[in-house]
N, C-alpha and C. Protein backbone atom coordinates (compact mmCIF):
# COMPACT_ATOMS: atom_id res chain seq x y z
N UNK A 1 19.51 -13.00 44.57
CA UNK A 1 20.10 -14.14 43.87
C UNK A 1 19.47 -15.44 44.36
N UNK A 2 19.31 -16.39 43.46
CA UNK A 2 18.80 -17.71 43.83
C UNK A 2 19.97 -18.60 44.24
N UNK A 3 19.89 -19.14 45.45
CA UNK A 3 20.95 -19.97 45.99
C UNK A 3 20.39 -21.33 46.40
N UNK A 4 21.06 -22.39 45.96
CA UNK A 4 20.67 -23.75 46.30
C UNK A 4 21.53 -24.23 47.47
N UNK A 5 20.89 -24.78 48.50
CA UNK A 5 21.65 -25.20 49.67
C UNK A 5 21.21 -26.57 50.15
N UNK A 6 21.98 -27.10 51.09
CA UNK A 6 21.81 -28.44 51.66
C UNK A 6 21.92 -29.51 50.59
N UNK A 7 22.90 -29.32 49.72
CA UNK A 7 23.25 -30.32 48.70
C UNK A 7 24.28 -31.24 49.35
N UNK A 8 23.80 -32.23 50.08
CA UNK A 8 24.63 -32.98 51.01
C UNK A 8 25.47 -34.06 50.33
N UNK A 9 24.87 -34.85 49.45
CA UNK A 9 25.57 -36.02 48.91
C UNK A 9 26.42 -35.69 47.69
N UNK A 10 26.24 -34.53 47.10
CA UNK A 10 26.99 -34.19 45.90
C UNK A 10 26.45 -34.91 44.69
N UNK A 11 27.07 -34.67 43.53
CA UNK A 11 26.59 -35.23 42.26
C UNK A 11 26.82 -36.72 42.15
N UNK A 12 27.54 -37.31 43.10
CA UNK A 12 27.66 -38.77 43.14
C UNK A 12 26.28 -39.41 43.22
N UNK A 13 25.35 -38.69 43.89
CA UNK A 13 23.94 -39.05 43.87
C UNK A 13 23.35 -38.38 42.63
N UNK A 14 23.10 -39.16 41.58
CA UNK A 14 22.73 -38.57 40.30
C UNK A 14 21.32 -37.99 40.31
N UNK A 15 20.48 -38.41 41.27
CA UNK A 15 19.18 -37.77 41.43
C UNK A 15 19.36 -36.33 41.88
N UNK A 16 20.28 -36.11 42.82
CA UNK A 16 20.58 -34.75 43.28
C UNK A 16 21.23 -33.94 42.16
N UNK A 17 22.10 -34.59 41.39
CA UNK A 17 22.72 -33.91 40.25
C UNK A 17 21.64 -33.45 39.27
N UNK A 18 20.66 -34.32 39.02
CA UNK A 18 19.58 -33.98 38.09
C UNK A 18 18.75 -32.81 38.59
N UNK A 19 18.52 -32.76 39.90
CA UNK A 19 17.76 -31.64 40.47
C UNK A 19 18.51 -30.33 40.25
N UNK A 20 19.82 -30.34 40.46
CA UNK A 20 20.61 -29.12 40.25
C UNK A 20 20.57 -28.71 38.78
N UNK A 21 20.84 -29.64 37.89
CA UNK A 21 20.88 -29.31 36.46
C UNK A 21 19.53 -28.79 35.96
N UNK A 22 18.46 -29.45 36.36
CA UNK A 22 17.13 -29.04 35.89
C UNK A 22 16.72 -27.70 36.49
N UNK A 23 17.11 -27.45 37.73
CA UNK A 23 16.79 -26.17 38.36
C UNK A 23 17.50 -25.02 37.66
N UNK A 24 18.75 -25.25 37.30
CA UNK A 24 19.50 -24.23 36.55
C UNK A 24 18.76 -23.89 35.25
N UNK A 25 18.24 -24.91 34.57
CA UNK A 25 17.55 -24.69 33.30
C UNK A 25 16.22 -23.96 33.48
N UNK A 26 15.60 -24.11 34.66
CA UNK A 26 14.29 -23.50 34.89
C UNK A 26 14.36 -22.00 35.14
N UNK A 27 15.51 -21.51 35.60
CA UNK A 27 15.63 -20.10 35.95
C UNK A 27 16.55 -19.38 34.97
N UNK A 28 16.07 -18.27 34.48
CA UNK A 28 16.83 -17.50 33.50
C UNK A 28 17.73 -16.49 34.20
N UNK A 29 18.57 -16.97 35.08
CA UNK A 29 19.52 -16.12 35.79
C UNK A 29 20.61 -16.98 36.40
N UNK A 30 21.64 -16.33 36.89
CA UNK A 30 22.78 -17.05 37.46
C UNK A 30 22.41 -17.58 38.85
N UNK A 31 22.71 -18.84 39.11
CA UNK A 31 22.43 -19.48 40.39
C UNK A 31 23.74 -19.85 41.07
N UNK A 32 23.65 -20.07 42.38
CA UNK A 32 24.82 -20.50 43.15
C UNK A 32 24.44 -21.73 43.96
N UNK A 33 25.35 -22.71 43.99
CA UNK A 33 25.12 -23.96 44.71
C UNK A 33 26.08 -24.07 45.89
N UNK A 34 25.52 -24.27 47.09
CA UNK A 34 26.33 -24.51 48.29
C UNK A 34 26.33 -26.01 48.55
N UNK A 35 27.49 -26.62 48.34
CA UNK A 35 27.59 -28.08 48.34
C UNK A 35 28.47 -28.59 49.47
N UNK A 36 28.09 -29.75 50.01
CA UNK A 36 28.93 -30.42 50.99
C UNK A 36 30.08 -31.16 50.32
N UNK A 37 29.98 -31.36 49.00
CA UNK A 37 30.99 -32.15 48.29
C UNK A 37 31.26 -31.52 46.93
N UNK A 38 31.93 -30.38 46.93
CA UNK A 38 32.22 -29.65 45.69
C UNK A 38 33.06 -30.49 44.74
N UNK A 39 33.99 -31.28 45.27
CA UNK A 39 34.86 -32.08 44.43
C UNK A 39 34.07 -33.08 43.59
N UNK A 40 33.08 -33.75 44.22
CA UNK A 40 32.23 -34.67 43.49
C UNK A 40 31.44 -33.94 42.42
N UNK A 41 30.91 -32.77 42.75
CA UNK A 41 30.15 -31.99 41.77
C UNK A 41 31.00 -31.63 40.56
N UNK A 42 32.25 -31.27 40.82
CA UNK A 42 33.14 -30.90 39.72
C UNK A 42 33.51 -32.12 38.88
N UNK A 43 33.63 -33.28 39.51
CA UNK A 43 33.92 -34.51 38.78
C UNK A 43 32.86 -34.78 37.72
N UNK A 44 31.61 -34.41 38.03
CA UNK A 44 30.51 -34.65 37.10
C UNK A 44 30.13 -33.40 36.30
N UNK A 45 30.96 -32.37 36.37
CA UNK A 45 30.80 -31.21 35.50
C UNK A 45 29.74 -30.21 35.90
N UNK A 46 29.28 -30.25 37.15
CA UNK A 46 28.28 -29.27 37.56
C UNK A 46 28.83 -27.85 37.58
N UNK A 47 30.15 -27.73 37.75
CA UNK A 47 30.75 -26.39 37.78
C UNK A 47 30.66 -25.71 36.42
N UNK A 48 30.31 -26.46 35.37
CA UNK A 48 30.14 -25.85 34.04
C UNK A 48 28.77 -25.21 33.87
N UNK A 49 27.84 -25.51 34.80
CA UNK A 49 26.49 -24.96 34.67
C UNK A 49 26.09 -24.07 35.85
N UNK A 50 26.84 -24.14 36.96
CA UNK A 50 26.47 -23.36 38.14
C UNK A 50 27.72 -23.05 38.96
N UNK A 51 27.69 -21.92 39.64
CA UNK A 51 28.78 -21.53 40.53
C UNK A 51 28.67 -22.34 41.82
N UNK A 52 29.71 -23.08 42.17
CA UNK A 52 29.68 -23.97 43.33
C UNK A 52 30.55 -23.43 44.46
N UNK A 53 30.00 -23.42 45.65
CA UNK A 53 30.73 -23.01 46.85
C UNK A 53 30.75 -24.18 47.83
N UNK A 54 31.91 -24.51 48.35
CA UNK A 54 32.01 -25.59 49.34
C UNK A 54 31.39 -25.12 50.66
N UNK A 55 30.40 -25.87 51.14
CA UNK A 55 29.76 -25.57 52.42
C UNK A 55 30.31 -26.54 53.46
N UNK A 56 31.38 -26.15 54.11
CA UNK A 56 32.03 -27.00 55.11
C UNK A 56 31.94 -26.38 56.49
N UNK A 57 31.92 -27.20 57.54
CA UNK A 57 31.86 -26.65 58.89
C UNK A 57 33.14 -25.91 59.27
N UNK A 58 32.98 -24.79 59.92
CA UNK A 58 34.12 -24.04 60.43
C UNK A 58 34.45 -24.57 61.83
N UNK A 59 35.69 -24.96 62.08
CA UNK A 59 36.04 -25.47 63.41
C UNK A 59 35.69 -24.45 64.50
N UNK A 60 35.09 -24.94 65.57
CA UNK A 60 34.70 -24.07 66.68
C UNK A 60 35.62 -24.36 67.87
N UNK A 61 36.43 -23.38 68.23
CA UNK A 61 37.43 -23.57 69.28
C UNK A 61 36.76 -23.83 70.63
N UNK A 62 37.17 -24.93 71.25
CA UNK A 62 36.59 -25.30 72.53
C UNK A 62 36.88 -24.24 73.59
N UNK A 63 35.84 -23.90 74.35
CA UNK A 63 35.87 -22.92 75.43
C UNK A 63 35.97 -21.47 74.94
N UNK A 64 35.87 -21.26 73.62
CA UNK A 64 35.74 -19.89 73.12
C UNK A 64 34.33 -19.40 73.48
N UNK A 65 34.11 -18.08 73.37
CA UNK A 65 32.80 -17.52 73.72
C UNK A 65 31.68 -18.14 72.87
N UNK A 66 31.84 -18.26 71.52
CA UNK A 66 30.79 -18.89 70.72
C UNK A 66 30.54 -20.34 71.13
N UNK A 67 31.63 -21.07 71.46
CA UNK A 67 31.48 -22.46 71.87
C UNK A 67 30.71 -22.55 73.19
N UNK A 68 31.03 -21.70 74.14
CA UNK A 68 30.36 -21.70 75.45
C UNK A 68 28.88 -21.39 75.29
N UNK A 69 28.57 -20.36 74.48
CA UNK A 69 27.17 -19.98 74.28
C UNK A 69 26.38 -21.11 73.62
N UNK A 70 27.00 -21.77 72.64
CA UNK A 70 26.34 -22.89 71.98
C UNK A 70 26.17 -24.07 72.94
N UNK A 71 27.17 -24.31 73.77
CA UNK A 71 27.10 -25.41 74.72
C UNK A 71 26.01 -25.16 75.76
N UNK A 72 25.86 -23.91 76.20
CA UNK A 72 24.80 -23.57 77.17
C UNK A 72 23.43 -23.79 76.55
N UNK A 73 23.26 -23.36 75.29
CA UNK A 73 21.98 -23.57 74.60
C UNK A 73 21.68 -25.05 74.46
N UNK A 74 22.71 -25.82 74.15
CA UNK A 74 22.54 -27.27 74.02
C UNK A 74 22.12 -27.89 75.35
N UNK A 75 22.75 -27.43 76.43
CA UNK A 75 22.48 -27.99 77.76
C UNK A 75 21.10 -27.61 78.28
N UNK A 76 20.75 -26.33 78.14
CA UNK A 76 19.50 -25.83 78.72
C UNK A 76 18.29 -26.07 77.82
N UNK A 77 18.47 -25.89 76.52
CA UNK A 77 17.33 -25.96 75.60
C UNK A 77 17.32 -27.22 74.74
N UNK A 78 18.36 -28.05 74.89
CA UNK A 78 18.49 -29.25 74.07
C UNK A 78 18.44 -28.89 72.57
N UNK A 79 19.09 -27.78 72.24
CA UNK A 79 19.11 -27.31 70.85
C UNK A 79 20.54 -27.07 70.40
N UNK A 80 20.84 -27.46 69.17
CA UNK A 80 22.16 -27.22 68.59
C UNK A 80 22.10 -26.14 67.51
N UNK A 81 21.06 -25.31 67.57
CA UNK A 81 20.89 -24.25 66.58
C UNK A 81 22.09 -23.32 66.54
N UNK A 82 22.56 -22.90 67.71
CA UNK A 82 23.69 -21.98 67.75
C UNK A 82 24.97 -22.66 67.25
N UNK A 83 25.13 -23.94 67.54
CA UNK A 83 26.28 -24.67 67.00
C UNK A 83 26.26 -24.63 65.47
N UNK A 84 25.07 -24.84 64.89
CA UNK A 84 24.96 -24.81 63.43
C UNK A 84 25.30 -23.44 62.89
N UNK A 85 24.78 -22.38 63.51
CA UNK A 85 25.06 -21.02 63.05
C UNK A 85 26.56 -20.72 63.09
N UNK A 86 27.23 -21.18 64.13
CA UNK A 86 28.66 -20.90 64.26
C UNK A 86 29.50 -21.76 63.32
N UNK A 87 29.18 -23.04 63.23
CA UNK A 87 29.99 -23.94 62.42
C UNK A 87 29.76 -23.74 60.92
N UNK A 88 28.58 -23.23 60.55
CA UNK A 88 28.28 -22.93 59.14
C UNK A 88 28.28 -21.42 58.90
N UNK A 89 29.10 -20.73 59.67
CA UNK A 89 29.13 -19.27 59.61
C UNK A 89 29.51 -18.76 58.23
N UNK A 90 30.41 -19.47 57.54
CA UNK A 90 30.82 -19.04 56.19
C UNK A 90 29.61 -19.01 55.26
N UNK A 91 28.72 -19.99 55.39
CA UNK A 91 27.51 -20.03 54.56
C UNK A 91 26.59 -18.87 54.91
N UNK A 92 26.27 -18.71 56.19
CA UNK A 92 25.29 -17.70 56.58
C UNK A 92 25.78 -16.27 56.31
N UNK A 93 27.10 -16.07 56.34
CA UNK A 93 27.63 -14.74 56.07
C UNK A 93 27.42 -14.33 54.62
N UNK A 94 27.19 -15.30 53.73
CA UNK A 94 26.98 -14.99 52.32
C UNK A 94 25.51 -14.72 51.99
N UNK A 95 24.61 -14.98 52.93
CA UNK A 95 23.19 -14.80 52.68
C UNK A 95 22.80 -13.34 52.89
N UNK A 96 22.04 -12.78 51.95
CA UNK A 96 21.56 -11.41 52.06
C UNK A 96 20.04 -11.39 51.97
N UNK A 97 19.45 -10.25 52.32
CA UNK A 97 17.99 -10.12 52.30
C UNK A 97 17.41 -10.21 50.89
N UNK A 98 18.27 -10.07 49.87
CA UNK A 98 17.79 -10.14 48.49
C UNK A 98 17.76 -11.56 47.94
N UNK A 99 18.23 -12.52 48.72
CA UNK A 99 18.36 -13.89 48.23
C UNK A 99 17.06 -14.69 48.37
N UNK A 100 16.89 -15.63 47.45
CA UNK A 100 15.88 -16.67 47.57
C UNK A 100 16.64 -17.99 47.64
N UNK A 101 16.49 -18.72 48.74
CA UNK A 101 17.31 -19.91 49.00
C UNK A 101 16.46 -21.16 48.88
N UNK A 102 16.86 -22.06 47.98
CA UNK A 102 16.13 -23.29 47.71
C UNK A 102 16.80 -24.45 48.43
N UNK A 103 16.06 -25.07 49.34
CA UNK A 103 16.54 -26.27 50.02
C UNK A 103 16.28 -27.46 49.11
N UNK A 104 17.37 -28.06 48.57
CA UNK A 104 17.21 -29.12 47.58
C UNK A 104 17.57 -30.48 48.21
N UNK A 105 17.42 -31.51 47.43
CA UNK A 105 17.70 -32.85 47.94
C UNK A 105 16.46 -33.72 47.92
N UNK A 106 15.29 -33.07 47.87
CA UNK A 106 14.03 -33.80 47.68
C UNK A 106 13.52 -34.50 48.92
N UNK A 107 14.21 -35.56 49.35
CA UNK A 107 13.69 -36.38 50.44
C UNK A 107 14.50 -36.25 51.72
N UNK A 108 15.20 -35.14 51.91
CA UNK A 108 16.04 -34.99 53.11
C UNK A 108 15.24 -35.09 54.40
N UNK A 109 13.97 -34.69 54.37
CA UNK A 109 13.16 -34.74 55.60
C UNK A 109 12.70 -36.16 55.94
N UNK A 110 13.05 -37.12 55.10
CA UNK A 110 12.69 -38.51 55.37
C UNK A 110 13.75 -39.23 56.21
N UNK A 111 14.84 -38.54 56.50
CA UNK A 111 15.97 -39.18 57.18
C UNK A 111 16.30 -38.45 58.48
N UNK A 112 17.27 -38.98 59.23
CA UNK A 112 17.73 -38.32 60.43
C UNK A 112 18.45 -37.02 60.05
N UNK A 113 18.60 -36.13 61.01
CA UNK A 113 19.26 -34.86 60.74
C UNK A 113 18.30 -33.77 60.32
N UNK A 114 16.99 -34.01 60.52
CA UNK A 114 16.00 -33.01 60.15
C UNK A 114 16.20 -31.69 60.88
N UNK A 115 16.74 -31.77 62.10
CA UNK A 115 16.93 -30.54 62.88
C UNK A 115 17.90 -29.58 62.20
N UNK A 116 18.85 -30.10 61.43
CA UNK A 116 19.80 -29.21 60.74
C UNK A 116 19.12 -28.44 59.62
N UNK A 117 18.13 -29.06 58.97
CA UNK A 117 17.35 -28.34 57.97
C UNK A 117 16.60 -27.19 58.62
N UNK A 118 16.08 -27.43 59.83
CA UNK A 118 15.39 -26.37 60.57
C UNK A 118 16.38 -25.26 60.91
N UNK A 119 17.57 -25.61 61.34
CA UNK A 119 18.58 -24.61 61.69
C UNK A 119 18.91 -23.73 60.47
N UNK A 120 19.09 -24.37 59.33
CA UNK A 120 19.36 -23.60 58.10
C UNK A 120 18.20 -22.66 57.79
N UNK A 121 16.99 -23.18 57.86
CA UNK A 121 15.80 -22.39 57.54
C UNK A 121 15.69 -21.17 58.44
N UNK A 122 15.86 -21.37 59.74
CA UNK A 122 15.80 -20.26 60.70
C UNK A 122 16.93 -19.27 60.48
N UNK A 123 18.14 -19.81 60.26
CA UNK A 123 19.30 -18.94 60.07
C UNK A 123 19.19 -18.09 58.83
N UNK A 124 18.65 -18.64 57.74
CA UNK A 124 18.48 -17.88 56.50
C UNK A 124 17.44 -16.78 56.70
N UNK A 125 16.34 -17.11 57.37
CA UNK A 125 15.31 -16.10 57.63
C UNK A 125 15.83 -14.99 58.54
N UNK A 126 16.73 -15.36 59.43
CA UNK A 126 17.33 -14.36 60.31
C UNK A 126 18.08 -13.31 59.50
N UNK A 127 18.59 -13.68 58.32
CA UNK A 127 19.29 -12.74 57.44
C UNK A 127 18.32 -11.99 56.53
N UNK A 128 17.03 -12.29 56.64
CA UNK A 128 16.02 -11.58 55.85
C UNK A 128 15.73 -12.19 54.50
N UNK A 129 16.33 -13.33 54.17
CA UNK A 129 16.13 -13.97 52.87
C UNK A 129 14.88 -14.85 52.89
N UNK A 130 14.45 -15.25 51.69
CA UNK A 130 13.31 -16.15 51.53
C UNK A 130 13.80 -17.58 51.41
N UNK A 131 12.99 -18.54 51.87
CA UNK A 131 13.35 -19.95 51.73
C UNK A 131 12.25 -20.71 50.99
N UNK A 132 12.70 -21.68 50.19
CA UNK A 132 11.79 -22.54 49.43
C UNK A 132 12.21 -23.99 49.67
N UNK A 133 11.26 -24.83 50.06
CA UNK A 133 11.52 -26.28 50.15
C UNK A 133 11.19 -26.83 48.77
N UNK A 134 12.21 -27.23 48.04
CA UNK A 134 12.14 -27.39 46.58
C UNK A 134 12.02 -28.85 46.17
N UNK A 135 10.92 -29.19 45.47
CA UNK A 135 10.74 -30.52 44.93
C UNK A 135 10.82 -31.61 45.98
N UNK A 136 10.05 -31.48 47.06
CA UNK A 136 10.26 -32.33 48.23
C UNK A 136 9.29 -33.50 48.31
N UNK A 137 9.71 -34.51 49.03
CA UNK A 137 8.86 -35.59 49.53
C UNK A 137 9.14 -35.71 51.02
N UNK A 138 8.11 -35.95 51.79
CA UNK A 138 8.29 -36.13 53.24
C UNK A 138 7.52 -37.37 53.69
N UNK A 139 7.90 -37.90 54.83
CA UNK A 139 7.21 -39.02 55.43
C UNK A 139 6.41 -38.48 56.62
N UNK A 140 5.08 -38.36 56.50
CA UNK A 140 4.29 -37.76 57.58
C UNK A 140 4.53 -38.37 58.95
N UNK A 141 4.79 -39.67 59.01
CA UNK A 141 4.97 -40.33 60.31
C UNK A 141 6.21 -39.84 61.04
N UNK A 142 7.17 -39.25 60.32
CA UNK A 142 8.41 -38.79 60.93
C UNK A 142 8.36 -37.32 61.34
N UNK A 143 7.26 -36.65 61.06
CA UNK A 143 7.17 -35.21 61.29
C UNK A 143 6.74 -34.91 62.72
N UNK A 144 7.62 -34.25 63.48
CA UNK A 144 7.33 -33.85 64.85
C UNK A 144 6.71 -32.46 64.86
N UNK A 145 6.29 -32.03 66.03
CA UNK A 145 5.73 -30.68 66.16
C UNK A 145 6.76 -29.62 65.82
N UNK A 146 8.01 -29.85 66.19
CA UNK A 146 9.07 -28.90 65.86
C UNK A 146 9.27 -28.80 64.35
N UNK A 147 9.22 -29.94 63.67
CA UNK A 147 9.40 -29.93 62.22
C UNK A 147 8.20 -29.25 61.54
N UNK A 148 7.01 -29.39 62.12
CA UNK A 148 5.85 -28.68 61.58
C UNK A 148 6.07 -27.16 61.64
N UNK A 149 6.68 -26.70 62.74
CA UNK A 149 7.01 -25.27 62.84
C UNK A 149 8.02 -24.87 61.76
N UNK A 150 8.93 -25.77 61.47
CA UNK A 150 9.92 -25.54 60.42
C UNK A 150 9.22 -25.41 59.07
N UNK A 151 8.32 -26.35 58.75
CA UNK A 151 7.59 -26.30 57.49
C UNK A 151 6.80 -24.99 57.36
N UNK A 152 6.21 -24.54 58.46
CA UNK A 152 5.40 -23.32 58.42
C UNK A 152 6.24 -22.08 58.13
N UNK A 153 7.55 -22.17 58.37
CA UNK A 153 8.44 -21.03 58.19
C UNK A 153 8.80 -20.80 56.72
N UNK A 154 8.73 -21.84 55.89
CA UNK A 154 9.11 -21.68 54.48
C UNK A 154 8.18 -20.69 53.78
N UNK A 155 8.74 -19.88 52.91
CA UNK A 155 7.93 -18.94 52.14
C UNK A 155 7.19 -19.66 51.01
N UNK A 156 7.71 -20.79 50.57
CA UNK A 156 7.06 -21.60 49.55
C UNK A 156 7.53 -23.04 49.70
N UNK A 157 6.60 -23.98 49.56
CA UNK A 157 6.94 -25.40 49.51
C UNK A 157 6.42 -25.96 48.19
N UNK A 158 7.31 -26.64 47.48
CA UNK A 158 6.94 -27.30 46.22
C UNK A 158 7.03 -28.80 46.45
N UNK A 159 5.88 -29.44 46.61
CA UNK A 159 5.83 -30.88 46.84
C UNK A 159 5.75 -31.61 45.50
N UNK A 160 6.41 -32.76 45.41
CA UNK A 160 6.50 -33.44 44.11
C UNK A 160 5.54 -34.62 43.97
N UNK A 161 4.73 -34.89 45.00
CA UNK A 161 3.69 -35.92 44.89
C UNK A 161 2.58 -35.60 45.89
N UNK A 162 1.43 -36.27 45.73
CA UNK A 162 0.22 -35.84 46.43
C UNK A 162 0.21 -36.17 47.93
N UNK A 163 0.88 -37.23 48.35
CA UNK A 163 0.91 -37.55 49.79
C UNK A 163 1.56 -36.40 50.55
N UNK A 164 2.73 -35.97 50.08
CA UNK A 164 3.41 -34.85 50.73
C UNK A 164 2.61 -33.56 50.59
N UNK A 165 2.07 -33.33 49.40
CA UNK A 165 1.29 -32.09 49.16
C UNK A 165 0.10 -32.00 50.11
N UNK A 166 -0.70 -33.06 50.22
CA UNK A 166 -1.89 -33.02 51.07
C UNK A 166 -1.52 -32.79 52.53
N UNK A 167 -0.41 -33.38 52.97
CA UNK A 167 0.02 -33.22 54.36
C UNK A 167 0.57 -31.81 54.62
N UNK A 168 1.44 -31.33 53.73
CA UNK A 168 2.11 -30.05 53.93
C UNK A 168 1.17 -28.87 53.75
N UNK A 169 0.19 -29.02 52.88
CA UNK A 169 -0.77 -27.94 52.62
C UNK A 169 -1.52 -27.56 53.89
N UNK A 170 -1.76 -28.53 54.77
CA UNK A 170 -2.46 -28.24 56.03
C UNK A 170 -1.57 -27.46 57.00
N UNK A 171 -0.27 -27.57 56.84
CA UNK A 171 0.68 -26.90 57.73
C UNK A 171 1.07 -25.53 57.19
N UNK A 172 1.32 -25.47 55.90
CA UNK A 172 1.75 -24.23 55.25
C UNK A 172 0.92 -24.02 53.99
N UNK A 173 0.02 -23.01 53.98
CA UNK A 173 -0.83 -22.80 52.80
C UNK A 173 -0.05 -22.39 51.56
N UNK A 174 1.21 -21.98 51.74
CA UNK A 174 2.05 -21.63 50.59
C UNK A 174 2.73 -22.89 50.03
N UNK A 175 1.92 -23.92 49.82
CA UNK A 175 2.41 -25.18 49.29
C UNK A 175 1.74 -25.45 47.95
N UNK A 176 2.54 -25.81 46.95
CA UNK A 176 2.00 -26.15 45.64
C UNK A 176 2.48 -27.54 45.25
N UNK A 177 1.80 -28.13 44.27
CA UNK A 177 2.15 -29.46 43.76
C UNK A 177 2.76 -29.31 42.37
N UNK A 178 3.95 -29.86 42.19
CA UNK A 178 4.61 -29.84 40.89
C UNK A 178 5.53 -31.04 40.80
N UNK A 179 5.81 -31.49 39.60
CA UNK A 179 6.68 -32.66 39.44
C UNK A 179 8.09 -32.34 39.91
N UNK A 180 8.84 -33.39 40.21
CA UNK A 180 10.26 -33.24 40.52
C UNK A 180 10.91 -32.46 39.37
N UNK A 181 11.69 -31.43 39.68
CA UNK A 181 12.30 -30.65 38.60
C UNK A 181 13.13 -31.49 37.65
N UNK A 182 13.64 -32.64 38.12
CA UNK A 182 14.45 -33.50 37.25
C UNK A 182 13.67 -33.97 36.03
N UNK A 183 12.34 -34.04 36.16
CA UNK A 183 11.53 -34.50 35.03
C UNK A 183 11.42 -33.46 33.92
N UNK A 184 11.92 -32.26 34.17
CA UNK A 184 11.90 -31.23 33.13
C UNK A 184 13.17 -31.24 32.28
N UNK A 185 14.11 -32.11 32.60
CA UNK A 185 15.36 -32.17 31.84
C UNK A 185 15.11 -32.59 30.40
N UNK A 186 15.87 -32.01 29.49
CA UNK A 186 15.77 -32.41 28.09
C UNK A 186 16.45 -33.75 27.86
N UNK A 187 16.09 -34.40 26.77
CA UNK A 187 16.68 -35.70 26.48
C UNK A 187 18.03 -35.51 25.79
N UNK A 188 18.85 -36.53 25.88
CA UNK A 188 20.14 -36.56 25.18
C UNK A 188 20.17 -37.78 24.28
N UNK A 189 20.41 -37.57 23.01
CA UNK A 189 20.45 -38.67 22.06
C UNK A 189 21.75 -39.48 22.26
N UNK A 190 21.65 -40.80 22.16
CA UNK A 190 22.82 -41.67 22.31
C UNK A 190 22.63 -42.91 21.45
N UNK A 191 23.72 -43.51 21.05
CA UNK A 191 23.64 -44.75 20.29
C UNK A 191 23.25 -45.90 21.22
N UNK A 192 22.39 -46.77 20.72
CA UNK A 192 21.97 -47.91 21.53
C UNK A 192 23.10 -48.94 21.63
N UNK A 193 23.23 -49.58 22.80
CA UNK A 193 24.24 -50.65 22.94
C UNK A 193 23.87 -51.85 22.07
N UNK A 194 24.79 -52.77 21.97
CA UNK A 194 24.53 -54.01 21.23
C UNK A 194 23.33 -54.75 21.82
N UNK A 195 22.55 -55.40 20.95
CA UNK A 195 21.38 -56.19 21.33
C UNK A 195 20.17 -55.37 21.74
N UNK A 196 20.28 -54.03 21.67
CA UNK A 196 19.10 -53.19 21.87
C UNK A 196 18.47 -52.96 20.50
N UNK A 197 17.28 -53.50 20.30
CA UNK A 197 16.61 -53.40 19.00
C UNK A 197 15.70 -52.17 19.00
N UNK A 198 15.94 -51.20 18.14
CA UNK A 198 15.11 -49.98 18.12
C UNK A 198 13.63 -50.32 17.98
N UNK A 199 12.83 -49.76 18.90
CA UNK A 199 11.39 -49.97 18.86
C UNK A 199 10.93 -51.28 19.47
N UNK A 200 11.86 -52.14 19.88
CA UNK A 200 11.48 -53.44 20.42
C UNK A 200 12.27 -53.77 21.69
N UNK A 201 12.70 -52.75 22.42
CA UNK A 201 13.47 -52.96 23.65
C UNK A 201 12.95 -52.03 24.75
N UNK A 202 12.80 -52.57 25.93
CA UNK A 202 12.44 -51.76 27.09
C UNK A 202 13.65 -51.69 28.01
N UNK A 203 14.09 -50.47 28.33
CA UNK A 203 15.21 -50.29 29.25
C UNK A 203 14.71 -49.93 30.64
N UNK A 204 15.22 -50.59 31.65
CA UNK A 204 14.80 -50.34 33.03
C UNK A 204 16.02 -49.98 33.87
N UNK A 205 15.95 -48.84 34.54
CA UNK A 205 17.03 -48.39 35.41
C UNK A 205 16.69 -48.80 36.84
N UNK A 206 17.34 -49.83 37.35
CA UNK A 206 17.02 -50.36 38.68
C UNK A 206 17.89 -49.70 39.73
N UNK A 207 17.24 -49.16 40.75
CA UNK A 207 17.98 -48.50 41.83
C UNK A 207 18.64 -49.55 42.72
N UNK A 208 19.67 -49.16 43.49
CA UNK A 208 20.30 -50.10 44.43
C UNK A 208 19.30 -50.68 45.44
N UNK A 209 18.30 -49.88 45.82
CA UNK A 209 17.28 -50.36 46.78
C UNK A 209 16.48 -51.51 46.16
N UNK A 210 16.06 -51.33 44.91
CA UNK A 210 15.29 -52.38 44.24
C UNK A 210 16.14 -53.65 44.09
N UNK A 211 17.41 -53.48 43.73
CA UNK A 211 18.31 -54.64 43.58
C UNK A 211 18.43 -55.38 44.91
N UNK A 212 18.58 -54.63 46.01
CA UNK A 212 18.73 -55.28 47.33
C UNK A 212 17.46 -56.02 47.74
N UNK A 213 16.29 -55.49 47.35
CA UNK A 213 15.04 -56.08 47.81
C UNK A 213 14.50 -57.14 46.87
């Protein structure tokens, strides 16, 4: 089964919503989405096109055996990998060797928290499943040696522009270049608002970043 994971911001981020919708259209089979914000996804109707599962952390009881083992790993190895495996145990228990898991979000590796993406990637492979870094952009200056090892672990990387493609191809030969899946979405016809003259109006969608700058 194809499973989409690390959908962190939910459909409130309409770029992420577009990636989910377009990915569903690209595959002729049932997909499952593991979301950090299922409620937001349902507000925007994603549950009508894909099966959504809430991916929430499972509370880890302090001084329990799993907590102690994770704390020791954190102390000795400076790694929270075991904490991630335990706290996201509900997610990892659903992964099987027959699954292909797509890490979505596009630019998640451009921000803090990259280590959690590595934890997911390792944990999924531990279950025997395949991983795909789907429609991604990365910032080469932020990539550490550990993250390079993470990139090398993916079974396939689909980069959405040439800067990321040229960089990632040197790390993982299973890297291809393709447009953001959102660009494959079909158009929806709508009536033009007042003062929009057909054939003589240019519409520009300005992001919050552009407005701020």
